[in-house]
Amino acid sequence: MERRKGIWETAQGSVGYNVEEGEWIRITDYSGTDTEVRIPEEIEGLPVRIIAKKTFLSRKQLRKAVLPVTIEEIGDWAFAYCTNLESVWLPKKKMKLGSRIVMECPNVRWIYAYGTEPGRGDAGGKQAGGKDRDSQCAALLAAGAGMLDTEYLMDPAEAGSESWIRKWDARMNAVMAEEDSEGYTKMILCGEEDYGSSLEEFVKNKRKGKVRLALLRLMNPIGLQKDTEDRLREYLVSHTKGCDTEESWEVVLKEYGHKKEYYGKFAEIGCVTEANFDAMLVDMPSEYAEMKAFLIRYKAEQMESRDFFDGLSL
């Protein structure tokens, strides 16, 4: 079998590859400090077909990776531990995908499944939530591999289809329905400390994970059934400020306090009330001035005006 090694230079690094059988290219490794890497369809006039196992492992600077339509296989852990990776672009077709290709990539928010124009991102037109269909699919595809940790959802060929959305929501519903203490005993027996040593801390973090998942699905409502939407909203409302547990408010404030789309959705679904409004303002530090201004305006427009007109009907 003919195999010859080569190097393809990027803006701030280099990609190693093998020429296989004199006919196609296997990407084998990467070194450098690029924040964005776009693998070409061809190198030396030959199609790039495989991204090998661990090719981009632990590349902390990498934020975006675009793979070509010629790709047929991505190896195990290809992008694992790329802790600042935000988006991956894959061709929308059947291919062989290895295990945990974005393992321990906490910032991956989008895995786009594109046609023949990587970066297009607006082919589906605007959908519910004000986002295009491609962006919503990308968010769900990334969450399927990350939040839901479910490899069968990592399917760019099927992403966005009715059957794929049903599978995605079925998995989400199963996660949301889990007992908050489920997994604690196993964690202790295995000596893991990811959620802290106490059951109370474990349960609290489990609820925060559900809050993040519910928010993400509501922010990307493509194909979302009404009954599922209602359950997600009810979950968030049941853990807002002033409830026995306040994980919805804690997550929105500490993790999404600078993102209007999130705290706007939080208010819209009913998590901001006259009863908890003042306590929320007290919780908000000075750096969240925009969020505070939004909530004050929201109260004036949605609560005080309603009270005024309710009074006229007495």
C-alpha atoms as a PDB file:
ATOM      1  CA  MET A   1       0.000   0.000   0.000  1.00  0.00           C
ATOM      2  CA  GLU A   2       1.439   3.311  -1.073  1.00  0.00           C
ATOM      3  CA  ARG A   3       1.554   5.911   1.709  1.00  0.00           C
ATOM      4  CA  ARG A   4       3.386   9.208   1.653  1.00  0.00           C
ATOM      5  CA  LYS A   5       3.374  11.898   4.343  1.00  0.00           C
ATOM      6  CA  GLY A   6       2.916  15.596   3.738  1.00  0.00           C
ATOM      7  CA  ILE A   7       2.249  18.947   5.408  1.00  0.00           C
ATOM      8  CA  TRP A   8      -0.447  21.469   4.494  1.00  0.00           C
ATOM      9  CA  GLU A   9       0.200  24.927   5.909  1.00  0.00           C
ATOM     10  CA  THR A  10      -2.530  26.964   7.592  1.00  0.00           C
ATOM     11  CA  ALA A  11      -2.408  30.638   8.583  1.00  0.00           C
ATOM     12  CA  GLN A  12      -0.862  29.882  11.985  1.00  0.00           C
ATOM     13  CA  GLY A  13      -0.046  26.217  11.924  1.00  0.00           C
ATOM     14  CA  SER A  14       0.154  23.080   9.860  1.00  0.00           C
ATOM     15  CA  VAL A  15      -1.907  19.994   9.090  1.00  0.00           C
ATOM     16  CA  GLY A  16      -0.211  16.652   8.667  1.00  0.00           C
ATOM     17  CA  TYR A  17      -1.571  14.174   6.156  1.00  0.00           C
ATOM     18  CA  ASN A  18      -0.953  10.882   4.439  1.00  0.00           C
ATOM     19  CA  VAL A  19      -1.455  10.211   0.742  1.00  0.00           C
ATOM     20  CA  GLU A  20      -3.188   6.832   0.746  1.00  0.00           C
ATOM     21  CA  GLU A  21      -2.809   4.471  -2.219  1.00  0.00           C
ATOM     22  CA  GLY A  22      -1.843   7.469  -4.312  1.00  0.00           C
ATOM     23  CA  GLU A  23      -5.536   8.358  -4.598  1.00  0.00           C
ATOM     24  CA  TRP A  24      -6.850  10.090  -1.485  1.00  0.00           C
ATOM     25  CA  ILE A  25      -5.845  12.038   1.636  1.00  0.00           C
ATOM     26  CA  ARG A  26      -6.035  11.137   5.316  1.00  0.00           C
ATOM     27  CA  ILE A  27      -5.608  14.095   7.711  1.00  0.00           C
ATOM     28  CA  THR A  28      -3.516  12.776  10.599  1.00  0.00           C
ATOM     29  CA  ASP A  29      -2.613  15.646  12.930  1.00  0.00           C
ATOM     30  CA  TYR A  30      -2.560  19.378  13.487  1.00  0.00           C
ATOM     31  CA  SER A  31      -0.212  21.765  15.264  1.00  0.00           C
ATOM     32  CA  GLY A  32      -0.480  25.517  15.598  1.00  0.00           C
ATOM     33  CA  THR A  33      -2.533  28.316  17.090  1.00  0.00           C
ATOM     34  CA  ASP A  34      -5.254  28.910  14.484  1.00  0.00           C
ATOM     35  CA  THR A  35      -8.634  29.928  15.866  1.00  0.00           C
ATOM     36  CA  GLU A  36     -10.257  28.706  12.648  1.00  0.00           C
ATOM     37  CA  VAL A  37      -9.252  25.801  10.418  1.00  0.00           C
ATOM     38  CA  ARG A  38     -10.874  25.013   7.073  1.00  0.00           C
ATOM     39  CA  ILE A  39      -9.748  21.713   5.632  1.00  0.00           C
ATOM     40  CA  PRO A  40      -9.771  21.883   1.805  1.00  0.00           C
ATOM     41  CA  GLU A  41     -11.608  19.404  -0.400  1.00  0.00           C
ATOM     42  CA  GLU A  42      -8.359  18.496  -2.121  1.00  0.00           C
ATOM     43  CA  ILE A  43      -4.668  18.447  -1.286  1.00  0.00           C
ATOM     44  CA  GLU A  44      -2.189  17.714  -4.082  1.00  0.00           C
ATOM     45  CA  GLY A  45      -5.222  17.354  -6.330  1.00  0.00           C
ATOM     46  CA  LEU A  46      -6.517  14.390  -4.294  1.00  0.00           C
ATOM     47  CA  PRO A  47      -9.772  14.293  -2.277  1.00  0.00           C
ATOM     48  CA  VAL A  48      -9.560  14.612   1.502  1.00  0.00           C
ATOM     49  CA  ARG A  49     -11.571  11.653   2.813  1.00  0.00           C
ATOM     50  CA  ILE A  50     -10.647  10.938   6.430  1.00  0.00           C
ATOM     51  CA  ILE A  51      -9.953  12.946   9.580  1.00  0.00           C
ATOM     52  CA  ALA A  52      -7.967  10.511  11.704  1.00  0.00           C
ATOM     53  CA  LYS A  53      -8.367   9.721  15.384  1.00  0.00           C
ATOM     54  CA  LYS A  54      -7.293  12.568  17.743  1.00  0.00           C
ATOM     55  CA  THR A  55      -6.328  14.880  14.861  1.00  0.00           C
ATOM     56  CA  PHE A  56      -7.247  18.089  16.713  1.00  0.00           C
ATOM     57  CA  LEU A  57      -7.023  16.717  20.246  1.00  0.00           C
ATOM     58  CA  SER A  58      -6.582  19.420  22.923  1.00  0.00           C
ATOM     59  CA  ARG A  59      -6.106  22.361  20.548  1.00  0.00           C
ATOM     60  CA  LYS A  60      -7.152  25.061  23.011  1.00  0.00           C
ATOM     61  CA  GLN A  61      -7.044  27.999  20.573  1.00  0.00           C
ATOM     62  CA  LEU A  62      -9.339  26.398  18.013  1.00  0.00           C
ATOM     63  CA  ARG A  63     -12.818  27.969  17.853  1.00  0.00           C
ATOM     64  CA  LYS A  64     -14.147  26.918  14.459  1.00  0.00           C
ATOM     65  CA  ALA A  65     -13.493  23.917  12.233  1.00  0.00           C
ATOM     66  CA  VAL A  66     -14.915  23.434   8.733  1.00  0.00           C
ATOM     67  CA  LEU A  67     -14.606  20.025   7.101  1.00  0.00           C
ATOM     68  CA  PRO A  68     -15.068  19.515   3.344  1.00  0.00           C
ATOM     69  CA  VAL A  69     -17.872  17.720   1.486  1.00  0.00           C
ATOM     70  CA  THR A  70     -15.377  15.033   0.469  1.00  0.00           C
ATOM     71  CA  ILE A  71     -15.056  13.749   4.045  1.00  0.00           C
ATOM     72  CA  GLU A  72     -16.214  10.158   4.516  1.00  0.00           C
ATOM     73  CA  GLU A  73     -14.936   9.395   8.018  1.00  0.00           C
ATOM     74  CA  ILE A  74     -14.071  11.217  11.245  1.00  0.00           C
ATOM     75  CA  GLY A  75     -12.069   9.254  13.793  1.00  0.00           C
ATOM     76  CA  ASP A  76     -12.534   8.865  17.525  1.00  0.00           C
ATOM     77  CA  TRP A  77     -11.937  11.965  19.673  1.00  0.00           C
ATOM     78  CA  ALA A  78     -11.038  14.016  16.580  1.00  0.00           C
ATOM     79  CA  PHE A  79     -11.812  17.309  18.397  1.00  0.00           C
ATOM     80  CA  ALA A  80     -11.808  16.074  22.000  1.00  0.00           C
ATOM     81  CA  TYR A  81     -10.667  18.503  24.697  1.00  0.00           C
ATOM     82  CA  CYS A  82     -10.764  21.511  22.364  1.00  0.00           C
ATOM     83  CA  THR A  83     -12.117  23.551  25.249  1.00  0.00           C
ATOM     84  CA  ASN A  84     -12.691  26.774  23.276  1.00  0.00           C
ATOM     85  CA  LEU A  85     -14.186  25.157  20.191  1.00  0.00           C
ATOM     86  CA  GLU A  86     -17.530  26.817  19.374  1.00  0.00           C
ATOM     87  CA  SER A  87     -18.614  25.466  15.995  1.00  0.00           C
ATOM     88  CA  VAL A  88     -17.955  22.540  13.669  1.00  0.00           C
ATOM     89  CA  TRP A  89     -19.155  22.361  10.066  1.00  0.00           C
ATOM     90  CA  LEU A  90     -19.822  18.905   8.603  1.00  0.00           C
ATOM     91  CA  PRO A  91     -21.234  17.878   5.216  1.00  0.00           C
ATOM     92  CA  LYS A  92     -24.878  16.819   5.399  1.00  0.00           C
ATOM     93  CA  LYS A  93     -24.401  13.239   4.307  1.00  0.00           C
ATOM     94  CA  LYS A  94     -23.860   9.768   5.668  1.00  0.00           C
ATOM     95  CA  MET A  95     -20.338   9.236   6.928  1.00  0.00           C
ATOM     96  CA  LYS A  96     -18.539   7.094   9.449  1.00  0.00           C
ATOM     97  CA  LEU A  97     -18.279   8.957  12.752  1.00  0.00           C
ATOM     98  CA  GLY A  98     -16.014   7.772  15.529  1.00  0.00           C
ATOM     99  CA  SER A  99     -16.644   7.845  19.247  1.00  0.00           C
ATOM    100  CA  ARG A 100     -16.937  11.111  21.214  1.00  0.00           C
ATOM    101  CA  ILE A 101     -15.537  13.345  18.504  1.00  0.00           C
ATOM    102  CA  VAL A 102     -16.330  16.501  20.525  1.00  0.00           C
ATOM    103  CA  MET A 103     -15.780  15.011  23.987  1.00  0.00           C
ATOM    104  CA  GLU A 104     -15.075  17.573  26.725  1.00  0.00           C
ATOM    105  CA  CYS A 105     -15.727  20.515  24.422  1.00  0.00           C
ATOM    106  CA  PRO A 106     -17.984  22.564  26.738  1.00  0.00           C
ATOM    107  CA  ASN A 107     -18.239  25.590  24.450  1.00  0.00           C
ATOM    108  CA  VAL A 108     -19.427  23.833  21.296  1.00  0.00           C
ATOM    109  CA  ARG A 109     -22.735  25.578  20.559  1.00  0.00           C
ATOM    110  CA  TRP A 110     -23.224  24.635  16.911  1.00  0.00           C
ATOM    111  CA  ILE A 111     -22.503  21.633  14.728  1.00  0.00           C
ATOM    112  CA  TYR A 112     -23.681  22.678  11.289  1.00  0.00           C
ATOM    113  CA  ALA A 113     -24.710  20.129   8.696  1.00  0.00           C
ATOM    114  CA  TYR A 114     -24.284  21.982   5.415  1.00  0.00           C
ATOM    115  CA  GLY A 115     -24.993  21.198   1.771  1.00  0.00           C
ATOM    116  CA  THR A 116     -22.322  22.358  -0.619  1.00  0.00           C
ATOM    117  CA  GLU A 117     -21.755  25.847   0.763  1.00  0.00           C
ATOM    118  CA  PRO A 118     -20.126  25.785   4.213  1.00  0.00           C
ATOM    119  CA  GLY A 119     -20.903  28.925   6.148  1.00  0.00           C
ATOM    120  CA  ARG A 120     -24.183  29.593   4.383  1.00  0.00           C
ATOM    121  CA  GLY A 121     -26.288  28.961   7.474  1.00  0.00           C
ATOM    122  CA  ASP A 122     -29.514  30.545   6.236  1.00  0.00           C
ATOM    123  CA  ALA A 123     -30.856  28.046   3.758  1.00  0.00           C
ATOM    124  CA  GLY A 124     -33.888  27.195   5.842  1.00  0.00           C
ATOM    125  CA  GLY A 125     -35.172  30.745   6.199  1.00  0.00           C
ATOM    126  CA  LYS A 126     -36.310  32.333   9.434  1.00  0.00           C
ATOM    127  CA  GLN A 127     -38.147  30.024  11.818  1.00  0.00           C
ATOM    128  CA  ALA A 128     -39.814  30.305  15.215  1.00  0.00           C
ATOM    129  CA  GLY A 129     -37.583  32.093  17.692  1.00  0.00           C
ATOM    130  CA  GLY A 130     -36.148  34.396  15.022  1.00  0.00           C
ATOM    131  CA  LYS A 131     -33.366  31.985  14.076  1.00  0.00           C
ATOM    132  CA  ASP A 132     -32.874  30.301  10.749  1.00  0.00           C
ATOM    133  CA  ARG A 133     -33.565  26.595  10.532  1.00  0.00           C
ATOM    134  CA  ASP A 134     -29.919  25.681   9.960  1.00  0.00           C
ATOM    135  CA  SER A 135     -28.809  27.480  13.127  1.00  0.00           C
ATOM    136  CA  GLN A 136     -31.471  25.770  15.206  1.00  0.00           C
ATOM    137  CA  CYS A 137     -30.493  22.359  13.847  1.00  0.00           C
ATOM    138  CA  ALA A 138     -26.845  23.168  14.528  1.00  0.00           C
ATOM    139  CA  ALA A 139     -27.619  24.031  18.154  1.00  0.00           C
ATOM    140  CA  LEU A 140     -29.588  20.819  18.661  1.00  0.00           C
ATOM    141  CA  LEU A 141     -26.937  18.712  16.926  1.00  0.00           C
ATOM    142  CA  ALA A 142     -24.256  20.137  19.226  1.00  0.00           C
ATOM    143  CA  ALA A 143     -26.430  19.599  22.299  1.00  0.00           C
ATOM    144  CA  GLY A 144     -27.131  16.020  21.251  1.00  0.00           C
ATOM    145  CA  ALA A 145     -23.412  15.299  21.376  1.00  0.00           C
ATOM    146  CA  GLY A 146     -22.803  17.450  24.469  1.00  0.00           C
ATOM    147  CA  MET A 147     -25.709  17.989  26.886  1.00  0.00           C
ATOM    148  CA  LEU A 148     -27.451  14.755  25.952  1.00  0.00           C
ATOM    149  CA  ASP A 149     -24.217  12.797  25.434  1.00  0.00           C
ATOM    150  CA  THR A 150     -25.959  10.595  22.874  1.00  0.00           C
ATOM    151  CA  GLU A 151     -23.932   9.410  19.909  1.00  0.00           C
ATOM    152  CA  TYR A 152     -26.903   8.223  17.834  1.00  0.00           C
ATOM    153  CA  LEU A 153     -28.031  11.865  17.597  1.00  0.00           C
ATOM    154  CA  MET A 154     -24.702  12.809  16.035  1.00  0.00           C
ATOM    155  CA  ASP A 155     -26.071  12.311  12.531  1.00  0.00           C
ATOM    156  CA  PRO A 156     -25.531  15.250  10.140  1.00  0.00           C
ATOM    157  CA  ALA A 157     -27.376  13.457   7.337  1.00  0.00           C
ATOM    158  CA  GLU A 158     -30.609  13.228   9.355  1.00  0.00           C
ATOM    159  CA  ALA A 159     -30.286  16.350  11.526  1.00  0.00           C
ATOM    160  CA  GLY A 160     -33.385  18.515  11.273  1.00  0.00           C
ATOM    161  CA  SER A 161     -35.621  15.789   9.886  1.00  0.00           C
ATOM    162  CA  GLU A 162     -38.902  14.994  11.638  1.00  0.00           C
ATOM    163  CA  SER A 163     -37.686  11.568  12.767  1.00  0.00           C
ATOM    164  CA  TRP A 164     -34.403  12.977  14.095  1.00  0.00           C
ATOM    165  CA  ILE A 165     -36.213  15.715  16.043  1.00  0.00           C
ATOM    166  CA  ARG A 166     -38.531  13.075  17.559  1.00  0.00           C
ATOM    167  CA  LYS A 167     -35.503  11.064  18.697  1.00  0.00           C
ATOM    168  CA  TRP A 168     -33.851  14.207  20.049  1.00  0.00           C
ATOM    169  CA  ASP A 169     -36.923  15.189  22.050  1.00  0.00           C
ATOM    170  CA  ALA A 170     -37.430  11.641  23.314  1.00  0.00           C
ATOM    171  CA  ARG A 171     -33.907  11.648  24.704  1.00  0.00           C
ATOM    172  CA  MET A 172     -34.397  15.132  26.171  1.00  0.00           C
ATOM    173  CA  ASN A 173     -37.652  14.092  27.831  1.00  0.00           C
ATOM    174  CA  ALA A 174     -35.930  11.079  29.367  1.00  0.00           C
ATOM    175  CA  VAL A 175     -33.211  13.306  30.815  1.00  0.00           C
ATOM    176  CA  MET A 176     -35.752  15.799  32.147  1.00  0.00           C
ATOM    177  CA  ALA A 177     -37.730  12.973  33.766  1.00  0.00           C
ATOM    178  CA  GLU A 178     -34.755  11.459  35.616  1.00  0.00           C
ATOM    179  CA  GLU A 179     -34.758  11.646  39.395  1.00  0.00           C
ATOM    180  CA  ASP A 180     -32.403  14.443  40.442  1.00  0.00           C
ATOM    181  CA  SER A 181     -30.475  12.035  42.650  1.00  0.00           C
ATOM    182  CA  GLU A 182     -30.046   9.426  39.904  1.00  0.00           C
ATOM    183  CA  GLY A 183     -26.387   8.682  39.285  1.00  0.00           C
ATOM    184  CA  TYR A 184     -25.126   9.936  42.632  1.00  0.00           C
ATOM    185  CA  THR A 185     -24.409   6.502  44.109  1.00  0.00           C
ATOM    186  CA  LYS A 186     -22.585   5.422  40.961  1.00  0.00           C
ATOM    187  CA  MET A 187     -20.526   8.630  41.026  1.00  0.00           C
ATOM    188  CA  ILE A 188     -19.436   8.002  44.615  1.00  0.00           C
ATOM    189  CA  LEU A 189     -18.627   4.344  43.956  1.00  0.00           C
ATOM    190  CA  CYS A 190     -16.523   5.338  40.943  1.00  0.00           C
ATOM    191  CA  GLY A 191     -14.709   8.020  42.941  1.00  0.00           C
ATOM    192  CA  GLU A 192     -15.836  10.840  40.678  1.00  0.00           C
ATOM    193  CA  GLU A 193     -16.121  14.365  42.080  1.00  0.00           C
ATOM    194  CA  ASP A 194     -17.628  16.226  39.141  1.00  0.00           C
ATOM    195  CA  TYR A 195     -20.641  17.383  41.118  1.00  0.00           C
ATOM    196  CA  GLY A 196     -19.052  17.838  44.538  1.00  0.00           C
ATOM    197  CA  SER A 197     -19.067  15.369  47.382  1.00  0.00           C
ATOM    198  CA  SER A 198     -22.555  15.952  48.790  1.00  0.00           C
ATOM    199  CA  LEU A 199     -25.880  14.690  47.530  1.00  0.00           C
ATOM    200  CA  GLU A 200     -27.301  18.211  47.876  1.00  0.00           C
ATOM    201  CA  GLU A 201     -24.665  19.640  45.546  1.00  0.00           C
ATOM    202  CA  PHE A 202     -25.140  16.787  43.075  1.00  0.00           C
ATOM    203  CA  VAL A 203     -28.917  17.337  42.944  1.00  0.00           C
ATOM    204  CA  LYS A 204     -28.521  21.087  42.537  1.00  0.00           C
ATOM    205  CA  ASN A 205     -26.175  20.643  39.596  1.00  0.00           C
ATOM    206  CA  LYS A 206     -28.481  18.036  38.066  1.00  0.00           C
ATOM    207  CA  ARG A 207     -31.324  20.574  38.124  1.00  0.00           C
ATOM    208  CA  LYS A 208     -29.075  23.233  36.593  1.00  0.00           C
ATOM    209  CA  GLY A 209     -28.310  20.848  33.751  1.00  0.00           C
ATOM    210  CA  LYS A 210     -32.025  20.391  33.147  1.00  0.00           C
ATOM    211  CA  VAL A 211     -32.515  24.166  33.178  1.00  0.00           C
ATOM    212  CA  ARG A 212     -29.812  24.611  30.527  1.00  0.00           C
ATOM    213  CA  LEU A 213     -31.361  21.879  28.414  1.00  0.00           C
ATOM    214  CA  ALA A 214     -34.886  23.307  28.711  1.00  0.00           C
ATOM    215  CA  LEU A 215     -33.692  26.798  27.827  1.00  0.00           C
ATOM    216  CA  LEU A 216     -31.730  25.563  24.833  1.00  0.00           C
ATOM    217  CA  ARG A 217     -34.721  23.656  23.436  1.00  0.00           C
ATOM    218  CA  LEU A 218     -37.066  26.603  23.927  1.00  0.00           C
ATOM    219  CA  MET A 219     -34.539  28.880  22.241  1.00  0.00           C
ATOM    220  CA  ASN A 220     -34.420  26.458  19.292  1.00  0.00           C
ATOM    221  CA  PRO A 221     -38.056  25.357  18.938  1.00  0.00           C
ATOM    222  CA  ILE A 222     -37.901  23.769  15.497  1.00  0.00           C
ATOM    223  CA  GLY A 223     -40.399  20.879  15.469  1.00  0.00           C
ATOM    224  CA  LEU A 224     -41.180  21.303  19.171  1.00  0.00           C
ATOM    225  CA  GLN A 225     -44.534  19.814  20.175  1.00  0.00           C
ATOM    226  CA  LYS A 226     -46.860  21.931  22.309  1.00  0.00           C
ATOM    227  CA  ASP A 227     -47.051  19.452  25.191  1.00  0.00           C
ATOM    228  CA  THR A 228     -43.271  19.203  25.384  1.00  0.00           C
ATOM    229  CA  GLU A 229     -42.937  22.979  25.230  1.00  0.00           C
ATOM    230  CA  ASP A 230     -45.414  23.348  28.079  1.00  0.00           C
ATOM    231  CA  ARG A 231     -43.486  20.872  30.255  1.00  0.00           C
ATOM    232  CA  LEU A 232     -40.224  22.709  29.679  1.00  0.00           C
ATOM    233  CA  ARG A 233     -41.798  26.044  30.532  1.00  0.00           C
ATOM    234  CA  GLU A 234     -43.374  24.598  33.674  1.00  0.00           C
ATOM    235  CA  TYR A 235     -40.036  23.205  34.780  1.00  0.00           C
ATOM    236  CA  LEU A 236     -38.312  26.573  34.439  1.00  0.00           C
ATOM    237  CA  VAL A 237     -41.129  28.421  36.211  1.00  0.00           C
ATOM    238  CA  SER A 238     -41.055  25.911  39.064  1.00  0.00           C
ATOM    239  CA  HIS A 239     -37.390  26.729  39.746  1.00  0.00           C
ATOM    240  CA  THR A 240     -37.417  30.506  39.334  1.00  0.00           C
ATOM    241  CA  LYS A 241     -36.665  33.142  41.970  1.00  0.00           C
ATOM    242  CA  GLY A 242     -38.863  32.748  45.024  1.00  0.00           C
ATOM    243  CA  CYS A 243     -39.472  29.006  44.601  1.00  0.00           C
ATOM    244  CA  ASP A 244     -38.168  26.343  46.975  1.00  0.00           C
ATOM    245  CA  THR A 245     -35.274  25.873  44.569  1.00  0.00           C
ATOM    246  CA  GLU A 246     -34.069  28.647  42.252  1.00  0.00           C
ATOM    247  CA  GLU A 247     -31.851  26.977  39.663  1.00  0.00           C
ATOM    248  CA  SER A 248     -33.630  28.594  36.704  1.00  0.00           C
ATOM    249  CA  TRP A 249     -32.849  32.041  38.023  1.00  0.00           C
ATOM    250  CA  GLU A 250     -29.313  31.119  39.079  1.00  0.00           C
ATOM    251  CA  VAL A 251     -28.436  29.739  35.642  1.00  0.00           C
ATOM    252  CA  VAL A 252     -29.942  32.682  33.750  1.00  0.00           C
ATOM    253  CA  LEU A 253     -28.292  35.259  36.002  1.00  0.00           C
ATOM    254  CA  LYS A 254     -24.817  33.738  36.267  1.00  0.00           C
ATOM    255  CA  GLU A 255     -24.462  32.123  32.840  1.00  0.00           C
ATOM    256  CA  TYR A 256     -26.739  34.096  30.512  1.00  0.00           C
ATOM    257  CA  GLY A 257     -26.934  37.495  32.226  1.00  0.00           C
ATOM    258  CA  HIS A 258     -25.198  39.140  29.270  1.00  0.00           C
ATOM    259  CA  LYS A 259     -27.356  37.441  26.612  1.00  0.00           C
ATOM    260  CA  LYS A 260     -30.641  39.210  26.003  1.00  0.00           C
ATOM    261  CA  GLU A 261     -32.140  36.304  24.073  1.00  0.00           C
ATOM    262  CA  TYR A 262     -31.911  34.135  27.173  1.00  0.00           C
ATOM    263  CA  TYR A 263     -33.150  36.484  29.865  1.00  0.00           C
ATOM    264  CA  GLY A 264     -35.786  37.714  27.431  1.00  0.00           C
ATOM    265  CA  LYS A 265     -37.041  34.142  27.020  1.00  0.00           C
ATOM    266  CA  PHE A 266     -36.851  33.697  30.805  1.00  0.00           C
ATOM    267  CA  ALA A 267     -39.212  36.639  31.260  1.00  0.00           C
ATOM    268  CA  GLU A 268     -41.479  35.680  28.377  1.00  0.00           C
ATOM    269  CA  ILE A 269     -42.274  32.211  29.740  1.00  0.00           C
ATOM    270  CA  GLY A 270     -43.395  33.614  33.073  1.00  0.00           C
ATOM    271  CA  CYS A 271     -40.355  33.317  35.318  1.00  0.00           C
ATOM    272  CA  VAL A 272     -40.449  37.040  36.160  1.00  0.00           C
ATOM    273  CA  THR A 273     -43.401  38.003  38.352  1.00  0.00           C
ATOM    274  CA  GLU A 274     -44.460  40.865  40.555  1.00  0.00           C
ATOM    275  CA  ALA A 275     -43.752  38.651  43.571  1.00  0.00           C
ATOM    276  CA  ASN A 276     -40.102  37.942  42.696  1.00  0.00           C
ATOM    277  CA  PHE A 277     -39.183  41.052  40.700  1.00  0.00           C
ATOM    278  CA  ASP A 278     -37.653  43.097  43.547  1.00  0.00           C
ATOM    279  CA  ALA A 279     -35.621  40.133  44.814  1.00  0.00           C
ATOM    280  CA  MET A 280     -34.214  39.625  41.310  1.00  0.00           C
ATOM    281  CA  LEU A 281     -33.057  43.241  41.154  1.00  0.00           C
ATOM    282  CA  VAL A 282     -31.261  42.812  44.472  1.00  0.00           C
ATOM    283  CA  ASP A 283     -29.426  39.736  43.119  1.00  0.00           C
ATOM    284  CA  MET A 284     -28.151  41.478  39.983  1.00  0.00           C
ATOM    285  CA  PRO A 285     -24.618  42.911  40.240  1.00  0.00           C
ATOM    286  CA  SER A 286     -23.763  46.243  38.643  1.00  0.00           C
ATOM    287  CA  GLU A 287     -22.208  44.661  35.540  1.00  0.00           C
ATOM    288  CA  TYR A 288     -25.651  43.373  34.529  1.00  0.00           C
ATOM    289  CA  ALA A 289     -27.007  46.862  33.875  1.00  0.00           C
ATOM    290  CA  GLU A 290     -28.514  45.891  30.514  1.00  0.00           C
ATOM    291  CA  MET A 291     -30.345  42.928  32.029  1.00  0.00           C
ATOM    292  CA  LYS A 292     -31.622  45.066  34.883  1.00  0.00           C
ATOM    293  CA  ALA A 293     -32.855  47.739  32.471  1.00  0.00           C
ATOM    294  CA  PHE A 294     -34.635  45.085  30.412  1.00  0.00           C
ATOM    295  CA  LEU A 295     -36.440  43.642  33.421  1.00  0.00           C
ATOM    296  CA  ILE A 296     -37.476  47.094  34.659  1.00  0.00           C
ATOM    297  CA  ARG A 297     -38.870  47.878  31.200  1.00  0.00           C
ATOM    298  CA  TYR A 298     -40.507  44.443  31.047  1.00  0.00           C
ATOM    299  CA  LYS A 299     -42.282  45.063  34.347  1.00  0.00           C
ATOM    300  CA  ALA A 300     -43.490  48.486  33.206  1.00  0.00           C
ATOM    301  CA  GLU A 301     -44.810  47.147  29.904  1.00  0.00           C
ATOM    302  CA  GLN A 302     -46.161  43.757  30.940  1.00  0.00           C
ATOM    303  CA  MET A 303     -47.204  44.146  34.578  1.00  0.00           C
ATOM    304  CA  GLU A 304     -47.905  47.762  35.460  1.00  0.00           C
ATOM    305  CA  SER A 305     -49.873  48.479  32.281  1.00  0.00           C
ATOM    306  CA  ARG A 306     -51.901  45.319  32.851  1.00  0.00           C
ATOM    307  CA  ASP A 307     -52.689  46.342  36.428  1.00  0.00           C
ATOM    308  CA  PHE A 308     -53.825  49.758  35.186  1.00  0.00           C
ATOM    309  CA  PHE A 309     -56.283  48.314  32.685  1.00  0.00           C
ATOM    310  CA  ASP A 310     -57.446  45.654  35.167  1.00  0.00           C
ATOM    311  CA  GLY A 311     -58.313  48.476  37.531  1.00  0.00           C
ATOM    312  CA  LEU A 312     -60.475  50.149  34.888  1.00  0.00           C
ATOM    313  CA  SER A 313     -62.640  47.039  34.638  1.00  0.00           C
ATOM    314  CA  LEU A 314     -63.562  47.025  38.321  1.00  0.00           C
END
